[in-house]
Amino acid sequence: MSAEKIHTTSLDIILSEALTRRRSKNRLRQLTTVPPGTADFSSNDYLSLSSHPEVQRAFLDRLYVLHAISTSPEEPTLTGPTRPLLNLLGSGGSRLLDGNSDTAEALEKRIAAFHHAPAGLLFNSAMDANVGLLSSVPQPGDVIVYDELIHASVHDGMRLSRAGERIPFAHNRVYATLESEVQSSSHDKHDSLERVLLDVKEQEENRSQQSASGTPRQIFIVVEGVYSMDGDVAPLVDVVECLERIFGGENAHIIVDEAHSVGVVGDCGRGLVSHLGLEDRVWARVLGFGKAMGCSGGIVLCSPTTRDYLINYARTLVYTTMMPFPSLANIETTYNYVIFGQAKPLLDNLQRLIQCTHEGLQSLYDRLPRKTDLFRLHTIATTRTSLDDRQVEKVLTPVIPVLTTRPRSLASYCQEKKLMVRPIVAPTVPKGQERIRICLHAANNMDEVKTLIQTVEEWVLGQLAHGNGREGSETQNQNAKL
């Protein structure tokens, strides 16, 4: 049908006006493809497993073996040939009907054991896992406390939940210290986690005085291991310590979204929770396989009781078709590669690239003729490594934001030089925090990193020469120091 003959409805007009408003604010999202020969500084494939020849070969071998078994001749029955042993292309239904398999259950147990968790439950994506978990577990009257920069999938789960309250706290600010107030990106919009929990505790005490029956509300605290837009790490030791000091660990539970930390943080990439030895202090973890693990899908690591509950109540599992065998084989293959230590050289190279990129960007900042809002860097905060002492470390991640007031211009300039970075603008990040996001990968090399930093410098100097950009404030200059 030609465009001239398409009938425009009143709804089309409403939707078109919404798109026009977004376009006028320079926020219109569009689908694009990556030109061949472009250096990847954009995707989330941090370990480059999805394109690794050995991983691809092992995946295809796994499919070939299962296909051979499934199609091997068998003794015919009175009604004809027997059914193939395995549906390779589709699972056949939801997991509660015909979509379950021994492969899926064995994979869950293996992943849970690797991450030192009691049990695990697979979902089609980490988003489905977050939505299923947050929408079903909190009961009426319960409280969800969450980092203000938590992922959109957690917000979707909270909207569907029966929780009585949903309370944000200032990003990564556990205690209301002067230092944290200076470093916070929230501009005092929200209280610290400690302040929020103390207020909730006071409410609980008032409720218990007014009601003798008083079953305590359950409190859920939701954070990310690594935040996808800022690349910073949750101060998880402090979160655990603060929570247990105020609530005693009885009716308060921590959920950690490890989508961006699995594969890149900790021994063999087990994630932040395992890196800090907090497996027994964190109630549930949500892992995504679409980032460093190079495939798709997600899993909730939890207790066996929670797993059984989710099987019964998580609508994103109950009412959707289970992932097919190729997806399970993909997850299995990449986990084998990680578990057996084959990914360690990739992780080591990635860490070298991360360190060099941070150093190169800091050097660029230091040599600029003047500080400007065209180029700012986030502070890399330290995080405690143990509940038993005050030892701290800086955890560097593959996600490095470069804050700029002209993210689309900078991203476009880099893309013209065959360097794929993406502009990140409001509402994906808070207004005033626009940026390009650099994502590093094991398959990148040092020459690509140097070219990227040189290209960013060329753009900044060119903008300054044309009188663009304002001089950075004292706070911006302080926050730029790595």
Protein backbone atom coordinates (compact mmCIF):
# COMPACT_ATOMS: atom_id res chain seq x y z
CA MET A 1 0.00 0.00 0.00
CA SER A 2 1.36 3.41 -0.95
CA ALA A 3 1.89 6.08 1.66
CA GLU A 4 -0.78 8.26 0.02
CA LYS A 5 -3.48 5.66 0.67
CA ILE A 6 -2.72 5.10 4.37
CA HIS A 7 -5.67 6.32 6.40
CA THR A 8 -4.68 8.64 9.26
CA THR A 9 -6.73 8.19 12.41
CA SER A 10 -7.14 10.48 15.39
CA LEU A 11 -4.82 8.17 17.32
CA ASP A 12 -2.15 8.53 14.62
CA ILE A 13 -2.37 12.30 15.07
CA ILE A 14 -1.97 12.02 18.87
CA LEU A 15 1.05 9.73 18.51
CA SER A 16 2.59 11.92 15.82
CA GLU A 17 2.25 14.99 18.02
CA ALA A 18 4.02 13.15 20.86
CA LEU A 19 6.88 12.27 18.51
CA THR A 20 7.05 15.85 17.26
CA ARG A 21 7.34 17.15 20.82
CA ARG A 22 10.14 14.71 21.53
CA ARG A 23 11.89 15.64 18.26
CA SER A 24 11.67 19.35 19.14
CA LYS A 25 13.52 18.62 22.38
CA ASN A 26 16.20 16.68 20.48
CA ARG A 27 15.20 13.50 22.33
CA LEU A 28 13.72 11.41 19.53
CA ARG A 29 14.94 7.81 19.60
CA GLN A 30 15.60 6.02 16.32
CA LEU A 31 16.89 2.61 15.30
CA THR A 32 20.34 2.60 13.71
CA THR A 33 22.87 0.04 12.56
CA VAL A 34 26.62 0.05 13.03
CA PRO A 35 28.63 0.60 9.83
CA PRO A 36 31.22 -2.11 9.06
CA GLY A 37 34.77 -1.32 10.10
CA THR A 38 33.69 0.73 13.11
CA ALA A 39 35.52 0.38 16.42
CA ASP A 40 32.98 -0.66 19.04
CA PHE A 41 32.85 1.62 22.08
CA SER A 42 29.10 1.30 22.48
CA SER A 43 27.81 -2.25 22.92
CA ASN A 44 27.60 -4.09 26.25
CA ASP A 45 29.54 -7.14 25.04
CA TYR A 46 32.33 -6.34 27.50
CA LEU A 47 34.25 -9.63 27.17
CA SER A 48 33.60 -9.84 23.41
CA LEU A 49 32.31 -13.38 23.88
CA SER A 50 29.52 -13.08 21.31
CA SER A 51 32.09 -12.66 18.52
CA HIS A 52 34.83 -14.90 19.93
CA PRO A 53 35.69 -17.69 17.44
CA GLU A 54 36.19 -20.37 20.12
CA VAL A 55 32.88 -19.58 21.80
CA GLN A 56 31.04 -19.56 18.48
CA ARG A 57 32.60 -22.89 17.52
CA ALA A 58 31.67 -24.51 20.84
CA PHE A 59 28.11 -23.20 20.53
CA LEU A 60 27.67 -24.56 17.01
CA ASP A 61 29.19 -27.92 18.03
CA ARG A 62 26.68 -28.15 20.87
CA LEU A 63 23.80 -27.54 18.47
CA TYR A 64 25.19 -30.01 15.94
CA VAL A 65 25.51 -32.81 18.51
CA LEU A 66 21.99 -32.27 19.82
CA HIS A 67 20.60 -32.12 16.30
CA ALA A 68 22.32 -35.37 15.43
CA ILE A 69 20.89 -37.07 18.51
CA SER A 70 17.40 -35.71 17.93
CA THR A 71 17.23 -36.83 14.31
CA SER A 72 18.93 -40.22 14.67
CA PRO A 73 16.87 -43.15 13.33
CA GLU A 74 14.83 -45.02 15.93
CA GLU A 75 12.71 -48.12 15.93
CA PRO A 76 9.34 -47.17 14.37
CA THR A 77 6.17 -47.66 16.39
CA LEU A 78 2.80 -48.89 15.13
CA THR A 79 1.79 -45.28 14.52
CA GLY A 80 4.97 -44.28 12.72
CA PRO A 81 8.36 -42.80 13.63
CA THR A 82 8.88 -41.70 17.21
CA ARG A 83 8.94 -37.99 18.04
CA PRO A 84 12.38 -36.28 17.94
CA LEU A 85 14.04 -36.15 21.33
CA LEU A 86 14.44 -32.38 21.39
CA ASN A 87 12.78 -29.25 19.99
CA LEU A 88 15.77 -27.32 18.72
CA LEU A 89 14.04 -24.25 17.32
CA GLY A 90 11.36 -23.54 19.92
CA SER A 91 10.63 -24.61 23.47
CA GLY A 92 7.00 -25.47 22.79
CA GLY A 93 5.32 -23.35 25.43
CA SER A 94 5.58 -21.65 28.78
CA ARG A 95 7.83 -23.25 31.34
CA LEU A 96 4.89 -24.45 33.45
CA LEU A 97 3.47 -26.32 30.45
CA ASP A 98 5.79 -27.82 27.82
CA GLY A 99 8.66 -25.34 27.80
CA ASN A 100 10.68 -26.79 30.67
CA SER A 101 13.63 -29.14 30.12
CA ASP A 102 16.36 -31.02 31.95
CA THR A 103 18.81 -28.71 30.20
CA ALA A 104 17.22 -25.61 31.73
CA GLU A 105 17.13 -27.05 35.25
CA ALA A 106 20.71 -28.30 35.08
CA LEU A 107 21.86 -24.92 33.76
CA GLU A 108 20.15 -23.10 36.64
CA LYS A 109 21.90 -25.29 39.19
CA ARG A 110 25.27 -24.83 37.52
CA ILE A 111 24.97 -21.05 37.34
CA ALA A 112 23.77 -20.84 40.95
CA ALA A 113 26.71 -22.97 42.14
CA PHE A 114 29.20 -20.81 40.23
CA HIS A 115 27.87 -17.67 41.90
CA HIS A 116 27.64 -19.35 45.33
CA ALA A 117 23.84 -19.11 45.47
CA PRO A 118 21.36 -21.70 46.80
CA ALA A 119 19.14 -21.70 43.71
CA GLY A 120 18.37 -19.90 40.47
CA LEU A 121 15.47 -19.35 38.10
CA LEU A 122 15.94 -18.47 34.44
CA PHE A 123 13.97 -15.70 32.72
CA ASN A 124 13.92 -14.66 29.07
CA SER A 125 15.73 -11.43 29.96
CA ALA A 126 17.08 -9.58 32.98
CA MET A 127 14.25 -7.10 32.48
CA ASP A 128 11.71 -9.93 32.81
CA ALA A 129 13.58 -11.13 35.89
CA ASN A 130 13.44 -7.72 37.57
CA VAL A 131 9.81 -7.16 36.67
CA GLY A 132 8.82 -10.66 37.78
CA LEU A 133 10.68 -10.41 41.07
CA LEU A 134 9.64 -6.88 42.06
CA SER A 135 6.04 -7.19 40.91
CA SER A 136 5.29 -10.42 42.77
CA VAL A 137 7.32 -10.65 45.98
CA PRO A 138 6.51 -7.44 47.91
CA GLN A 139 3.20 -7.91 49.71
CA PRO A 140 0.56 -5.22 50.41
CA GLY A 141 2.03 -2.63 52.76
CA ASP A 142 5.66 -3.61 52.19
CA VAL A 143 8.29 -0.96 51.41
CA ILE A 144 10.73 -0.80 48.49
CA VAL A 145 13.73 1.52 48.93
CA TYR A 146 15.77 2.02 45.78
CA ASP A 147 18.73 3.96 44.44
CA GLU A 148 17.50 6.95 42.45
CA LEU A 149 19.47 5.78 39.38
CA ILE A 150 18.11 2.23 39.43
CA HIS A 151 17.34 0.63 36.06
CA ALA A 152 14.01 1.20 34.32
CA SER A 153 13.10 -2.48 34.64
CA VAL A 154 13.09 -2.13 38.44
CA HIS A 155 10.76 0.86 38.11
CA ASP A 156 8.45 -1.22 35.93
CA GLY A 157 8.43 -4.01 38.50
CA MET A 158 7.74 -1.58 41.33
CA ARG A 159 4.81 -0.01 39.45
CA LEU A 160 3.20 -3.44 39.15
CA SER A 161 3.94 -4.43 42.76
CA ARG A 162 1.58 -4.30 45.72
CA ALA A 163 4.13 -2.51 47.90
CA GLY A 164 2.68 0.25 50.03
CA GLU A 165 5.62 2.62 49.57
CA ARG A 166 8.40 3.11 47.02
CA ILE A 167 11.10 5.43 48.33
CA PRO A 168 14.24 6.56 46.45
CA PHE A 169 17.53 7.44 48.10
CA ALA A 170 20.38 9.58 46.76
CA HIS A 171 22.57 7.68 44.34
CA ASN A 172 25.22 5.63 46.15
CA ARG A 173 24.87 7.79 49.26
CA VAL A 174 24.57 5.49 52.25
CA TYR A 175 25.42 8.03 54.94
CA ALA A 176 24.75 11.77 54.89
CA THR A 177 28.36 12.91 55.19
CA LEU A 178 29.73 16.16 53.83
CA GLU A 179 31.96 14.29 51.40
CA SER A 180 29.08 12.28 49.96
CA GLU A 181 27.01 15.43 49.55
CA VAL A 182 29.80 17.01 47.50
CA GLN A 183 30.22 13.92 45.32
CA SER A 184 26.51 13.15 44.89
CA SER A 185 24.97 13.76 41.48
CA SER A 186 21.51 14.11 42.98
CA HIS A 187 21.87 17.75 44.07
CA ASP A 188 20.22 16.98 47.42
CA LYS A 189 17.07 15.79 45.70
CA HIS A 190 16.85 12.69 47.90
CA ASP A 191 17.97 11.66 51.37
CA SER A 192 20.72 9.18 52.14
CA LEU A 193 19.87 5.49 52.51
CA GLU A 194 20.48 5.72 56.26
CA ARG A 195 18.01 8.59 56.63
CA VAL A 196 15.36 6.78 54.58
CA LEU A 197 15.77 3.56 56.58
CA LEU A 198 15.62 5.39 59.90
CA ASP A 199 12.35 7.04 58.83
CA VAL A 200 10.92 3.66 57.80
CA LYS A 201 12.07 2.19 61.11
CA GLU A 202 10.31 4.96 63.02
CA GLN A 203 7.13 4.25 61.08
CA GLU A 204 7.44 0.58 62.00
CA GLU A 205 7.78 1.38 65.69
CA ASN A 206 4.71 3.62 65.57
CA ARG A 207 2.73 0.91 63.81
CA SER A 208 3.71 -1.73 66.35
CA GLN A 209 2.56 0.52 69.20
CA GLN A 210 -0.82 1.07 67.54
CA SER A 211 -1.45 -2.57 66.63
CA ALA A 212 -0.87 -5.58 68.84
CA SER A 213 -1.07 -7.98 65.87
CA GLY A 214 1.60 -5.97 64.04
CA THR A 215 3.20 -8.32 61.52
CA PRO A 216 6.23 -6.27 60.48
CA ARG A 217 6.36 -4.97 56.95
CA GLN A 218 9.08 -6.38 54.71
CA ILE A 219 11.64 -3.85 53.51
CA PHE A 220 13.38 -4.33 50.16
CA ILE A 221 16.47 -2.33 49.20
CA VAL A 222 17.31 -2.41 45.49
CA VAL A 223 20.69 -1.37 44.05
CA GLU A 224 22.80 -2.21 41.00
CA GLY A 225 26.22 -3.82 41.19
CA VAL A 226 27.49 -1.56 38.42
CA TYR A 227 25.31 1.31 37.22
CA SER A 228 24.83 1.14 33.48
CA MET A 229 25.05 4.86 32.74
CA ASP A 230 27.62 6.05 35.29
CA GLY A 231 29.77 2.91 35.45
CA ASP A 232 30.18 3.31 39.22
CA VAL A 233 29.91 0.52 41.75
CA ALA A 234 27.37 0.29 44.57
CA PRO A 235 28.91 0.72 48.07
CA LEU A 236 27.45 -2.66 48.90
CA VAL A 237 29.38 -3.32 52.11
CA ASP A 238 28.09 -0.05 53.55
CA VAL A 239 24.57 -0.84 52.34
CA VAL A 240 24.62 -4.20 54.12
CA GLU A 241 26.12 -2.74 57.28
CA CYS A 242 23.63 0.14 57.40
CA LEU A 243 20.65 -2.15 56.82
CA GLU A 244 21.67 -4.71 59.44
CA ARG A 245 22.43 -2.03 62.02
CA ILE A 246 18.98 -0.46 61.66
CA PHE A 247 16.81 -3.53 61.05
CA GLY A 248 18.93 -6.40 62.35
CA GLY A 249 18.55 -8.31 59.10
CA GLU A 250 15.19 -9.77 60.15
CA ASN A 251 12.60 -8.18 57.86
CA ALA A 252 14.85 -6.22 55.48
CA HIS A 253 16.22 -7.68 52.26
CA ILE A 254 18.74 -6.54 49.66
CA ILE A 255 18.26 -7.09 45.93
CA VAL A 256 21.26 -6.47 43.66
CA ASP A 257 20.89 -6.10 39.91
CA GLU A 258 24.20 -7.52 38.62
CA ALA A 259 23.46 -7.20 34.90
CA HIS A 260 26.52 -5.00 34.31
CA SER A 261 28.81 -6.50 36.97
CA VAL A 262 28.56 -10.20 36.13
CA GLY A 263 31.47 -11.27 33.96
CA VAL A 264 33.65 -8.23 34.70
CA VAL A 265 33.80 -7.82 38.50
CA GLY A 266 35.38 -10.30 40.89
CA ASP A 267 37.10 -13.65 40.53
CA CYS A 268 36.25 -15.12 37.12
CA GLY A 269 33.61 -12.40 36.80
CA ARG A 270 31.32 -13.80 39.49
CA GLY A 271 29.97 -10.31 40.16
CA LEU A 272 30.13 -7.72 42.92
CA VAL A 273 28.26 -9.72 45.57
CA SER A 274 30.65 -12.66 45.32
CA HIS A 275 33.66 -10.35 45.01
CA LEU A 276 32.79 -8.85 48.39
CA GLY A 277 31.82 -12.19 49.96
CA LEU A 278 28.26 -11.03 50.65
CA GLU A 279 26.38 -13.99 49.20
CA ASP A 280 24.75 -14.77 52.57
CA ARG A 281 23.85 -11.12 53.25
CA VAL A 282 22.09 -10.38 49.95
CA TRP A 283 18.59 -11.80 49.58
CA ALA A 284 18.42 -11.95 45.78
CA ARG A 285 20.55 -11.19 42.75
CA VAL A 286 19.38 -10.52 39.19
CA LEU A 287 21.95 -11.44 36.54
CA GLY A 288 21.67 -10.52 32.87
CA PHE A 289 23.41 -12.50 30.16
CA GLY A 290 23.13 -9.83 27.46
CA LYS A 291 26.19 -7.86 28.57
CA ALA A 292 29.56 -9.46 29.41
CA MET A 293 28.20 -12.99 28.93
CA GLY A 294 27.56 -12.24 25.27
CA CYS A 295 24.15 -13.90 24.83
CA SER A 296 20.63 -13.23 26.11
CA GLY A 297 18.43 -14.11 29.07
CA GLY A 298 18.58 -13.55 32.79
CA ILE A 299 18.39 -15.36 36.11
CA VAL A 300 17.28 -14.64 39.65
CA LEU A 301 19.67 -16.11 42.22
CA CYS A 302 17.75 -16.71 45.42
CA SER A 303 16.63 -19.26 48.01
CA PRO A 304 14.74 -22.43 46.96
CA THR A 305 11.59 -21.05 48.61
CA THR A 306 11.83 -17.81 46.64
CA ARG A 307 12.38 -19.80 43.45
CA ASP A 308 9.21 -21.83 44.08
CA TYR A 309 7.30 -18.63 44.82
CA LEU A 310 8.42 -17.02 41.55
CA ILE A 311 7.42 -20.12 39.60
CA ASN A 312 3.91 -19.63 40.97
CA TYR A 313 3.57 -15.84 40.98
CA ALA A 314 6.05 -14.17 38.59
CA ARG A 315 3.88 -13.32 35.60
CA THR A 316 6.89 -12.70 33.34
CA LEU A 317 7.72 -16.39 33.77
CA VAL A 318 4.25 -17.95 34.00
CA TYR A 319 2.70 -16.28 30.95
CA THR A 320 5.49 -16.32 28.38
CA THR A 321 7.07 -18.94 26.14
CA MET A 322 10.28 -20.34 27.59
CA MET A 323 13.52 -19.55 25.76
CA PRO A 324 14.40 -22.21 23.14
CA PHE A 325 17.26 -24.65 23.31
CA PRO A 326 19.68 -22.51 21.22
CA SER A 327 19.40 -19.79 23.88
CA LEU A 328 20.07 -22.29 26.65
CA ALA A 329 23.02 -23.71 24.71
CA ASN A 330 24.38 -20.19 24.21
CA ILE A 331 24.25 -19.45 27.95
CA GLU A 332 25.75 -22.85 28.73
CA THR A 333 28.59 -22.32 26.26
CA THR A 334 29.59 -18.89 27.51
CA TYR A 335 29.40 -19.98 31.15
CA ASN A 336 31.62 -22.97 30.37
CA TYR A 337 34.13 -20.59 28.85
CA VAL A 338 34.09 -18.43 31.98
CA ILE A 339 33.95 -21.23 34.57
CA PHE A 340 36.91 -23.10 33.06
CA GLY A 341 39.03 -19.95 33.12
CA GLN A 342 39.25 -19.53 29.36
CA ALA A 343 37.87 -15.98 29.61
CA LYS A 344 40.58 -14.84 32.06
CA PRO A 345 42.92 -13.45 29.35
CA LEU A 346 39.98 -11.50 27.96
CA LEU A 347 39.14 -10.08 31.38
CA ASP A 348 42.80 -9.22 32.05
CA ASN A 349 43.04 -7.36 28.74
CA LEU A 350 39.78 -5.58 29.44
CA GLN A 351 41.08 -4.38 32.80
CA ARG A 352 44.25 -3.03 31.14
CA LEU A 353 42.17 -1.15 28.59
CA ILE A 354 39.95 0.27 31.35
CA GLN A 355 42.95 1.54 33.31
CA CYS A 356 44.57 3.09 30.23
CA THR A 357 41.34 4.75 29.15
CA HIS A 358 40.81 6.33 32.56
CA GLU A 359 44.39 7.56 32.59
CA GLY A 360 44.13 8.90 29.04
CA LEU A 361 40.89 10.80 29.71
CA GLN A 362 42.30 12.25 32.92
CA SER A 363 45.42 13.37 31.06
CA LEU A 364 43.21 15.03 28.44
CA TYR A 365 41.27 16.85 31.16
CA ASP A 366 44.49 18.05 32.81
CA ARG A 367 45.95 19.51 29.62
CA LEU A 368 42.86 21.36 28.39
CA PRO A 369 43.53 25.12 28.12
CA ARG A 370 40.51 25.78 30.33
CA LYS A 371 37.91 23.70 32.12
CA THR A 372 34.61 23.52 30.29
CA ASP A 373 31.17 21.95 30.50
CA LEU A 374 31.94 20.37 27.12
CA PHE A 375 34.13 17.76 28.84
CA ARG A 376 33.70 16.50 32.39
CA LEU A 377 34.53 13.21 34.08
CA HIS A 378 32.92 11.38 36.96
CA THR A 379 34.71 10.84 40.24
CA ILE A 380 35.63 7.21 40.85
CA ALA A 381 34.66 6.59 44.45
CA THR A 382 36.24 3.93 46.62
CA THR A 383 34.18 1.08 48.02
CA ARG A 384 34.78 -0.95 51.16
CA THR A 385 35.84 -4.53 50.54
CA SER A 386 34.85 -6.14 53.85
CA LEU A 387 32.47 -5.76 56.78
CA ASP A 388 35.35 -6.58 59.11
CA ASP A 389 37.61 -3.64 58.34
CA ARG A 390 37.75 -0.23 56.67
CA GLN A 391 39.87 -1.32 53.71
CA VAL A 392 38.72 0.27 50.46
CA GLU A 393 39.45 -0.14 46.77
CA LYS A 394 38.58 1.51 43.49
CA VAL A 395 36.63 -0.85 41.25
CA LEU A 396 37.06 0.23 37.63
CA THR A 397 34.41 -0.91 35.16
CA PRO A 398 34.09 -0.93 31.36
CA VAL A 399 31.46 1.84 31.44
CA ILE A 400 33.05 5.31 31.35
CA PRO A 401 30.79 8.36 30.96
CA VAL A 402 32.10 11.58 29.43
CA LEU A 403 29.72 14.34 30.49
CA THR A 404 29.13 17.08 27.94
CA THR A 405 26.51 19.68 27.13
CA ARG A 406 26.69 18.64 23.47
CA PRO A 407 26.52 14.83 23.50
CA ARG A 408 24.99 14.42 20.04
CA SER A 409 27.65 16.59 18.44
CA LEU A 410 30.49 14.73 20.15
CA ALA A 411 29.02 11.31 19.34
CA SER A 412 28.50 12.30 15.71
CA TYR A 413 32.10 13.52 15.43
CA CYS A 414 33.41 10.23 16.83
CA GLN A 415 31.18 8.19 14.53
CA GLU A 416 32.51 10.10 11.52
CA LYS A 417 35.94 8.86 12.59
CA LYS A 418 34.66 5.23 12.66
CA LEU A 419 34.42 5.20 16.47
CA MET A 420 31.02 4.04 17.67
CA VAL A 421 29.95 5.85 20.81
CA ARG A 422 26.39 6.86 21.61
CA PRO A 423 24.90 10.05 23.03
CA ILE A 424 22.92 9.53 26.25
CA VAL A 425 20.43 12.30 26.98
CA ALA A 426 17.45 13.00 29.24
CA PRO A 427 15.19 11.26 30.17
CA THR A 428 17.56 8.25 30.10
CA VAL A 429 19.86 10.25 32.42
CA PRO A 430 18.90 13.26 34.57
CA LYS A 431 18.79 16.63 32.85
CA GLY A 432 22.19 18.29 33.13
CA GLN A 433 23.94 14.90 33.17
CA GLU A 434 23.97 14.35 29.38
CA ARG A 435 26.96 12.42 28.11
CA ILE A 436 28.52 10.05 25.70
CA ARG A 437 29.00 6.62 27.20
CA ILE A 438 32.23 4.78 26.44
CA CYS A 439 31.88 1.01 26.75
CA LEU A 440 35.13 -0.93 26.54
CA HIS A 441 35.51 -4.50 25.32
CA ALA A 442 38.17 -7.19 25.44
CA ALA A 443 38.37 -7.05 21.64
CA ASN A 444 39.32 -3.37 21.63
CA ASN A 445 43.01 -2.56 21.39
CA MET A 446 45.25 0.21 22.68
CA ASP A 447 45.47 1.96 19.31
CA GLU A 448 41.66 2.26 19.22
CA VAL A 449 41.63 3.71 22.73
CA LYS A 450 44.30 6.26 21.83
CA THR A 451 42.42 7.22 18.68
CA LEU A 452 39.21 7.68 20.67
CA ILE A 453 40.85 9.97 23.23
CA GLN A 454 42.58 11.95 20.47
CA THR A 455 39.26 12.34 18.65
CA VAL A 456 37.50 13.58 21.78
CA GLU A 457 40.32 16.09 22.29
CA GLU A 458 40.04 17.32 18.68
CA TRP A 459 36.32 17.89 19.13
CA VAL A 460 36.68 19.72 22.47
CA LEU A 461 39.42 22.02 21.15
CA GLY A 462 37.40 22.69 18.00
CA GLN A 463 34.35 23.61 20.06
CA LEU A 464 36.40 25.91 22.28
CA ALA A 465 37.94 27.58 19.23
CA HIS A 466 34.43 28.40 17.98
CA GLY A 467 33.43 29.88 21.32
CA ASN A 468 31.18 27.01 22.38
CA GLY A 469 30.93 25.76 25.93
CA ARG A 470 30.97 27.50 29.27
CA GLU A 471 33.74 27.45 31.82
CA GLY A 472 33.29 24.60 34.28
CA SER A 473 32.21 25.39 37.80
CA GLU A 474 34.31 24.63 40.87
CA THR A 475 32.14 21.60 41.61
CA GLN A 476 32.46 20.33 38.05
CA ASN A 477 36.22 20.72 38.18
CA GLN A 478 36.38 18.80 41.45
CA ASN A 479 34.13 16.04 40.14
CA ALA A 480 36.25 15.71 37.02
CA LYS A 481 39.24 14.44 38.96
CA LEU A 482 39.58 10.69 38.69
